[in-house]
Amino acid sequence: MAFRKLLVLFIIVAAAAGFAVVFLSDSGERPSTVAPRKDTVPLAILGDSDSHSFHDRTHFPPRGDERGGQFRDITFNWPEMLARLRGDQLDLGEWRVWGPPNLIAKAREIIGLPVRRPQKEDYRYNFAISGAGCKDLNHGWREVDRLLAVMRLEPERWQRGIVVIRIGVNDIGGTAQLDEFAKDPASGADKVRYCTSEIASAVNRLREASPRIRFVLVGIFNNAHWAPNLEKWQSPTELSNIAQALARFDNELRELTASDAATAFFDDRRWFEEHWGARDETGKPAYHAVVLPSGLRVENSKGDAPSNAALGDGHAGTVWNGLWAKSFVELLNEKLDTQIPPIEVSEVERVISRPSASG
């Protein structure tokens, strides 16, 4: 049995070595063959499905149920919106398939070769992975390590780079965890503390490699406002308990940014309430629509059409992501002095106004 395991391992390693040249451009990291404009700001992303590009056809192979349904071609998340609307100022890196197949990737790691995992079709600097939790920043998928490998190739350029860390919902934002918070806001404190400590570690590791790099730390979204959850927790006490528990996460991130002028905090809970509102004093839904310049009303509802804030699968829709990208640029300009032309709501609407969006 031991001999058989060794034989399998030898075959895997041999295959990795034999295919090293074939997979060079996908498996490791090397300087880009296209020189970016000198004045663009490299933007890296660490996170989960809130940031993993929707149009990744490798990680999400086409099966007839693609995100967005009949509106697939106008369904984008916030990195995809930024690339479309401000890609000449914010550089998310080249779009293509990054990383080799999983078996090759594991074999390369065994023999100490550089590798990017998991394989995904995305922007080069977007390391967000659907399903990722806080542990995947420094362990698990090791998103920080993958980013560091890129930064080492262009150290001077990354001195003016920005890293967005938007993670935590899979640790403390799920329905089961919110149920616990609703009963006892002190529950889950260890999960909150673990998440924020992993985020702090990620910041420290990246700052050590690139002392002038800047950060945006995104607060936790309150999934009590998520369209599929609107029938839950309809009491002021439950909602107050949930808000109190989530505030611990946000407050710890605020502490990380308070004394660091090169680090900004994005308040995701406040952002949503400023756009769609909240529940009333009895805990019942009392949301209002976001009305675009054309008159399109975007309700806090679920469905693939642009008139819904959330997609049919629950992820934020294009309007949500576009408005989020708009506020993100405003934060960069205000806190990190990037001087990027503000995104107009009309620009967001143009993305969803193509003929395929009708009906």
Protein backbone atom coordinates (compact mmCIF):
# COMPACT_ATOMS: atom_id res chain seq x y z
CA MET A 1 0.00 0.00 0.00
CA ALA A 2 2.81 2.42 0.88
CA PHE A 3 4.57 1.59 -2.39
CA ARG A 4 1.35 2.27 -4.33
CA LYS A 5 0.97 5.70 -2.69
CA LEU A 6 4.57 6.55 -3.51
CA LEU A 7 4.04 5.45 -7.10
CA VAL A 8 0.95 7.68 -7.44
CA LEU A 9 2.87 10.59 -5.95
CA PHE A 10 5.79 9.98 -8.35
CA ILE A 11 3.40 9.98 -11.34
CA ILE A 12 1.81 13.24 -10.22
CA VAL A 13 5.18 14.93 -9.69
CA ALA A 14 6.50 13.64 -12.99
CA ALA A 15 3.42 14.89 -14.78
CA ALA A 16 3.80 18.30 -13.17
CA ALA A 17 7.41 18.53 -14.24
CA GLY A 18 6.63 17.32 -17.75
CA PHE A 19 3.85 19.88 -18.22
CA ALA A 20 5.70 22.73 -16.52
CA VAL A 21 6.46 24.51 -19.77
CA VAL A 22 2.97 23.97 -21.17
CA PHE A 23 1.34 25.51 -18.12
CA LEU A 24 3.91 28.23 -17.44
CA SER A 25 1.59 31.10 -18.29
CA ASP A 26 -1.26 29.63 -16.25
CA SER A 27 0.42 28.11 -13.25
CA GLY A 28 2.96 30.53 -11.91
CA GLU A 29 3.39 34.28 -12.17
CA ARG A 30 5.54 36.26 -14.54
CA PRO A 31 5.67 39.91 -15.56
CA SER A 32 2.81 41.02 -17.79
CA THR A 33 3.64 41.10 -21.49
CA VAL A 34 1.49 44.23 -21.87
CA ALA A 35 2.92 47.24 -20.05
CA PRO A 36 0.14 49.03 -18.14
CA ARG A 37 -0.16 52.79 -18.27
CA LYS A 38 2.16 54.40 -15.75
CA ASP A 39 -0.61 56.38 -14.12
CA THR A 40 -3.01 53.47 -13.53
CA VAL A 41 -3.46 52.23 -9.98
CA PRO A 42 -3.07 48.45 -9.57
CA LEU A 43 -6.09 47.14 -7.68
CA ALA A 44 -6.05 43.71 -6.04
CA ILE A 45 -9.03 41.97 -4.47
CA LEU A 46 -9.14 39.38 -1.69
CA GLY A 47 -12.51 37.91 -0.85
CA ASP A 48 -15.38 35.57 -1.65
CA SER A 49 -18.26 35.32 -4.13
CA ASP A 50 -19.20 38.97 -3.58
CA SER A 51 -16.04 39.78 -5.57
CA HIS A 52 -15.34 36.67 -7.69
CA SER A 53 -16.16 37.79 -11.26
CA PHE A 54 -19.55 36.53 -12.43
CA HIS A 55 -18.30 35.74 -15.95
CA ASP A 56 -15.67 33.20 -14.89
CA ARG A 57 -16.44 30.32 -17.27
CA THR A 58 -13.72 28.08 -15.83
CA HIS A 59 -14.68 28.03 -12.16
CA PHE A 60 -18.37 28.16 -13.17
CA PRO A 61 -18.59 25.99 -16.32
CA PRO A 62 -21.62 26.80 -18.52
CA ARG A 63 -24.46 24.41 -17.68
CA GLY A 64 -27.50 26.33 -18.85
CA ASP A 65 -28.09 27.94 -15.45
CA GLU A 66 -25.51 30.73 -15.65
CA ARG A 67 -25.77 33.61 -13.20
CA GLY A 68 -28.16 36.22 -14.56
CA GLY A 69 -30.22 33.82 -16.66
CA GLN A 70 -31.58 35.57 -19.77
CA PHE A 71 -29.85 38.75 -18.58
CA ARG A 72 -26.49 37.01 -18.36
CA ASP A 73 -24.70 39.33 -20.78
CA ILE A 74 -25.54 42.42 -18.69
CA THR A 75 -25.02 40.81 -15.28
CA PHE A 76 -21.77 41.99 -13.69
CA ASN A 77 -20.32 42.28 -10.22
CA TRP A 78 -18.40 45.29 -8.90
CA PRO A 79 -14.89 44.37 -10.20
CA GLU A 80 -16.37 43.77 -13.65
CA MET A 81 -18.21 47.10 -13.43
CA LEU A 82 -15.03 48.91 -12.36
CA ALA A 83 -13.10 47.38 -15.25
CA ARG A 84 -15.76 48.57 -17.68
CA LEU A 85 -16.30 52.04 -16.24
CA ARG A 86 -12.87 52.99 -14.84
CA GLY A 87 -10.48 50.41 -16.23
CA ASP A 88 -8.27 53.18 -17.58
CA GLN A 89 -7.59 54.41 -14.03
CA LEU A 90 -7.85 51.22 -11.95
CA ASP A 91 -5.88 48.24 -13.25
CA LEU A 92 -7.31 44.88 -12.16
CA GLY A 93 -4.90 43.05 -14.46
CA GLU A 94 -5.38 41.07 -17.62
CA TRP A 95 -8.57 38.99 -18.01
CA ARG A 96 -7.91 35.35 -18.85
CA VAL A 97 -7.69 31.90 -17.28
CA TRP A 98 -5.23 31.89 -14.40
CA GLY A 99 -3.85 28.76 -12.78
CA PRO A 100 -3.51 25.18 -14.06
CA PRO A 101 -5.99 22.35 -13.45
CA ASN A 102 -6.21 21.30 -9.81
CA LEU A 103 -4.14 18.10 -10.10
CA ILE A 104 -1.28 19.94 -11.80
CA ALA A 105 -1.50 22.76 -9.27
CA LYS A 106 -1.22 20.37 -6.33
CA ALA A 107 1.71 18.58 -7.92
CA ARG A 108 3.55 21.86 -8.55
CA GLU A 109 3.08 22.82 -4.91
CA ILE A 110 4.48 19.46 -3.80
CA ILE A 111 7.71 20.07 -5.70
CA GLY A 112 7.88 23.71 -4.66
CA LEU A 113 7.03 25.37 -7.97
CA PRO A 114 5.01 28.60 -8.02
CA VAL A 115 1.32 28.11 -8.69
CA ARG A 116 -1.98 29.94 -8.60
CA ARG A 117 -4.99 28.13 -7.18
CA PRO A 118 -7.81 27.57 -7.85
CA GLN A 119 -7.97 27.82 -11.61
CA LYS A 120 -10.32 30.64 -12.59
CA GLU A 121 -11.08 32.99 -15.45
CA ASP A 122 -10.81 36.43 -13.94
CA TYR A 123 -8.72 39.56 -13.71
CA ARG A 124 -5.12 38.84 -12.80
CA TYR A 125 -5.32 40.76 -9.53
CA ASN A 126 -8.70 39.39 -8.43
CA PHE A 127 -7.97 36.59 -5.98
CA ALA A 128 -11.51 36.37 -4.56
CA ILE A 129 -12.88 32.83 -4.51
CA SER A 130 -16.52 31.83 -4.21
CA GLY A 131 -17.14 30.14 -0.87
CA ALA A 132 -13.98 31.51 0.72
CA GLY A 133 -13.91 32.27 4.42
CA CYS A 134 -11.55 34.34 6.52
CA LYS A 135 -9.16 31.40 6.87
CA ASP A 136 -8.57 31.51 3.11
CA LEU A 137 -6.74 34.81 3.35
CA ASN A 138 -3.63 33.34 4.95
CA HIS A 139 -4.39 29.60 4.94
CA GLY A 140 -6.60 27.34 2.83
CA TRP A 141 -6.65 29.01 -0.59
CA ARG A 142 -3.90 31.39 0.65
CA GLU A 143 -5.14 34.42 -1.25
CA VAL A 144 -2.48 36.65 0.33
CA ASP A 145 0.32 34.35 -0.82
CA ARG A 146 -1.01 34.41 -4.40
CA LEU A 147 -1.08 38.20 -4.34
CA LEU A 148 2.41 38.43 -2.86
CA ALA A 149 3.72 36.33 -5.76
CA VAL A 150 2.38 38.96 -8.17
CA MET A 151 3.63 41.90 -6.13
CA ARG A 152 7.18 40.54 -6.04
CA LEU A 153 7.35 40.81 -9.84
CA GLU A 154 6.58 44.54 -9.86
CA PRO A 155 7.52 45.79 -6.39
CA GLU A 156 7.84 49.46 -7.35
CA ARG A 157 4.47 49.53 -9.05
CA TRP A 158 2.70 47.99 -6.06
CA GLN A 159 4.02 50.71 -3.78
CA ARG A 160 1.10 52.76 -5.14
CA GLY A 161 -1.30 49.83 -5.32
CA ILE A 162 -4.56 49.28 -3.48
CA VAL A 163 -5.82 46.04 -1.96
CA VAL A 164 -9.51 45.48 -1.21
CA ILE A 165 -10.34 42.92 1.47
CA ARG A 166 -14.03 42.01 1.40
CA ILE A 167 -14.63 38.80 3.28
CA GLY A 168 -16.43 37.39 6.30
CA VAL A 169 -20.00 36.77 5.19
CA ASN A 170 -19.39 33.02 4.91
CA ASP A 171 -18.10 33.02 8.49
CA ILE A 172 -20.56 35.27 10.31
CA GLY A 173 -23.21 36.37 7.82
CA GLY A 174 -25.01 33.13 7.00
CA THR A 175 -28.62 32.47 7.99
CA ALA A 176 -27.72 29.95 10.70
CA GLN A 177 -25.23 32.35 12.30
CA LEU A 178 -27.71 35.23 12.15
CA ASP A 179 -30.23 32.97 13.89
CA GLU A 180 -27.74 32.59 16.72
CA PHE A 181 -27.02 36.32 16.80
CA ALA A 182 -30.77 37.06 16.92
CA LYS A 183 -31.04 35.04 20.13
CA ASP A 184 -27.74 36.14 21.68
CA PRO A 185 -25.60 38.93 20.22
CA ALA A 186 -22.61 37.68 22.20
CA SER A 187 -22.65 34.33 20.39
CA GLY A 188 -20.10 33.86 17.65
CA ALA A 189 -17.69 36.36 19.19
CA ASP A 190 -14.84 33.93 18.59
CA LYS A 191 -15.69 33.77 14.87
CA VAL A 192 -15.73 37.55 14.64
CA ARG A 193 -12.41 37.79 16.43
CA TYR A 194 -10.87 35.13 14.20
CA CYS A 195 -12.01 36.91 11.04
CA THR A 196 -10.71 40.31 12.04
CA SER A 197 -7.41 38.84 13.20
CA GLU A 198 -6.95 37.14 9.81
CA ILE A 199 -7.72 40.41 8.04
CA ALA A 200 -5.22 42.23 10.26
CA SER A 201 -2.62 39.56 9.50
CA ALA A 202 -3.25 39.95 5.77
CA VAL A 203 -2.76 43.71 6.02
CA ASN A 204 0.46 43.30 8.00
CA ARG A 205 1.92 40.73 5.62
CA LEU A 206 1.18 42.80 2.53
CA ARG A 207 2.35 46.02 4.17
CA GLU A 208 5.61 44.34 5.14
CA ALA A 209 6.20 43.43 1.48
CA SER A 210 5.09 46.83 0.18
CA PRO A 211 5.20 49.54 2.88
CA ARG A 212 3.29 52.18 0.91
CA ILE A 213 0.49 49.94 -0.32
CA ARG A 214 -3.05 51.10 0.53
CA PHE A 215 -6.09 49.15 1.70
CA VAL A 216 -9.86 49.25 1.67
CA LEU A 217 -11.40 47.04 4.36
CA VAL A 218 -15.06 46.31 3.67
CA GLY A 219 -17.45 45.87 6.57
CA ILE A 220 -19.91 43.01 6.89
CA PHE A 221 -23.27 43.16 5.12
CA ASN A 222 -26.36 42.53 7.21
CA ASN A 223 -28.10 39.63 5.51
CA ALA A 224 -31.28 40.41 7.46
CA HIS A 225 -31.82 42.83 4.54
CA TRP A 226 -31.08 40.17 1.92
CA ALA A 227 -34.17 39.52 -0.21
CA PRO A 228 -34.39 35.76 0.58
CA ASN A 229 -34.37 36.54 4.33
CA LEU A 230 -37.06 39.21 4.53
CA GLU A 231 -39.56 36.88 6.22
CA LYS A 232 -37.09 36.13 9.03
CA TRP A 233 -36.31 37.94 12.30
CA GLN A 234 -39.35 40.20 12.25
CA SER A 235 -38.95 41.58 15.73
CA PRO A 236 -37.04 44.68 16.88
CA THR A 237 -35.16 42.67 19.51
CA GLU A 238 -33.90 40.07 17.03
CA LEU A 239 -32.81 42.73 14.55
CA SER A 240 -31.11 44.77 17.25
CA ASN A 241 -29.22 41.69 18.44
CA ILE A 242 -28.06 40.91 14.90
CA ALA A 243 -26.93 44.50 14.32
CA GLN A 244 -25.07 44.52 17.63
CA ALA A 245 -23.22 41.31 16.77
CA LEU A 246 -22.24 42.49 13.29
CA ALA A 247 -21.11 45.85 14.68
CA ARG A 248 -18.30 44.03 16.52
CA PHE A 249 -16.82 43.02 13.17
CA ASP A 250 -17.13 46.51 11.72
CA ASN A 251 -15.78 48.22 14.82
CA GLU A 252 -12.67 46.05 14.84
CA LEU A 253 -12.02 46.89 11.19
CA ARG A 254 -12.54 50.57 11.98
CA GLU A 255 -9.88 50.29 14.66
CA LEU A 256 -7.48 48.90 12.05
CA THR A 257 -8.08 51.91 9.82
CA ALA A 258 -8.41 54.64 12.46
CA SER A 259 -4.71 55.42 12.83
CA ASP A 260 -3.64 54.52 9.29
CA ALA A 261 -4.15 57.18 6.62
CA ALA A 262 -3.38 54.59 3.92
CA THR A 263 -6.29 52.37 4.96
CA ALA A 264 -10.00 53.11 4.47
CA PHE A 265 -13.14 51.44 5.82
CA PHE A 266 -16.20 50.81 3.60
CA ASP A 267 -19.36 50.63 5.72
CA ASP A 268 -21.40 48.09 3.76
CA ARG A 269 -24.35 48.04 6.17
CA ARG A 270 -24.78 51.80 6.09
CA TRP A 271 -24.29 51.82 2.31
CA PHE A 272 -27.22 49.47 1.75
CA GLU A 273 -29.53 51.38 4.06
CA GLU A 274 -28.66 54.66 2.33
CA HIS A 275 -29.80 53.13 -0.96
CA TRP A 276 -32.68 50.77 -0.17
CA GLY A 277 -33.59 51.64 3.41
CA ALA A 278 -34.31 49.16 6.17
CA ARG A 279 -37.10 47.52 8.12
CA ASP A 280 -39.59 49.51 10.17
CA GLU A 281 -39.71 49.80 13.96
CA THR A 282 -41.69 46.55 14.20
CA GLY A 283 -39.15 44.57 12.18
CA LYS A 284 -41.22 44.37 8.99
CA PRO A 285 -39.69 45.17 5.56
CA ALA A 286 -40.00 48.88 4.75
CA TYR A 287 -37.60 49.23 1.85
CA HIS A 288 -37.87 51.76 -0.92
CA ALA A 289 -36.80 51.43 -4.55
CA VAL A 290 -33.68 52.91 -6.07
CA VAL A 291 -34.90 54.93 -9.05
CA LEU A 292 -32.47 55.35 -11.94
CA PRO A 293 -32.44 58.37 -14.31
CA SER A 294 -34.53 56.46 -16.87
CA GLY A 295 -37.21 55.83 -14.27
CA LEU A 296 -36.28 52.17 -13.75
CA ARG A 297 -37.23 51.17 -10.20
CA VAL A 298 -34.85 48.70 -8.57
CA GLU A 299 -36.57 47.01 -5.65
CA ASN A 300 -34.99 45.05 -2.80
CA SER A 301 -36.21 41.85 -4.38
CA LYS A 302 -34.76 38.75 -5.99
CA GLY A 303 -34.74 38.02 -9.73
CA ASP A 304 -32.44 38.20 -12.73
CA ALA A 305 -34.04 41.29 -14.30
CA PRO A 306 -32.24 44.59 -13.54
CA SER A 307 -35.31 45.78 -11.61
CA ASN A 308 -34.25 43.48 -8.75
CA ALA A 309 -31.47 44.39 -6.35
CA ALA A 310 -30.46 40.72 -6.02
CA LEU A 311 -30.12 38.10 -8.74
CA GLY A 312 -32.14 34.93 -8.84
CA ASP A 313 -29.32 33.08 -7.06
CA GLY A 314 -29.16 35.74 -4.33
CA HIS A 315 -25.98 37.54 -5.34
CA ALA A 316 -26.07 41.29 -5.78
CA GLY A 317 -27.29 42.34 -9.22
CA THR A 318 -25.69 44.66 -11.74
CA VAL A 319 -27.35 47.84 -10.44
CA TRP A 320 -26.34 47.02 -6.87
CA ASN A 321 -22.78 46.29 -8.00
CA GLY A 322 -22.64 49.37 -10.21
CA LEU A 323 -23.79 51.68 -7.43
CA TRP A 324 -21.38 49.95 -5.06
CA ALA A 325 -18.52 50.56 -7.51
CA LYS A 326 -19.62 54.21 -7.71
CA SER A 327 -19.39 54.58 -3.92
CA PHE A 328 -16.12 52.67 -3.88
CA VAL A 329 -14.51 55.19 -6.23
CA GLU A 330 -15.85 58.03 -4.08
CA LEU A 331 -14.23 56.42 -1.03
CA LEU A 332 -10.90 56.03 -2.86
CA ASN A 333 -10.94 59.69 -3.81
CA GLU A 334 -11.93 60.89 -0.36
CA LYS A 335 -9.74 58.66 1.82
CA LEU A 336 -6.87 57.55 -0.43
CA ASP A 337 -6.56 60.60 -2.70
CA THR A 338 -6.77 58.66 -5.97
CA GLN A 339 -8.42 61.46 -8.00
CA ILE A 340 -10.39 59.06 -10.20
CA PRO A 341 -13.26 60.60 -12.20
CA PRO A 342 -16.46 59.82 -10.26
CA ILE A 343 -18.79 57.22 -11.72
CA GLU A 344 -22.18 58.64 -12.71
CA VAL A 345 -25.41 56.70 -12.20
CA SER A 346 -26.12 57.20 -15.89
CA GLU A 347 -22.96 55.20 -16.67
CA VAL A 348 -24.21 52.33 -14.54
CA GLU A 349 -27.52 52.43 -16.33
CA ARG A 350 -25.90 52.31 -19.76
CA VAL A 351 -24.47 48.92 -18.86
CA ILE A 352 -27.98 47.49 -18.43
CA SER A 353 -29.68 49.43 -21.21
CA ARG A 354 -28.56 47.25 -24.10
CA PRO A 355 -31.37 45.67 -26.15
CA SER A 356 -30.89 42.30 -24.46
CA ALA A 357 -32.02 43.88 -21.17
CA SER A 358 -35.54 44.46 -22.44
CA GLY A 359 -38.42 42.32 -21.26
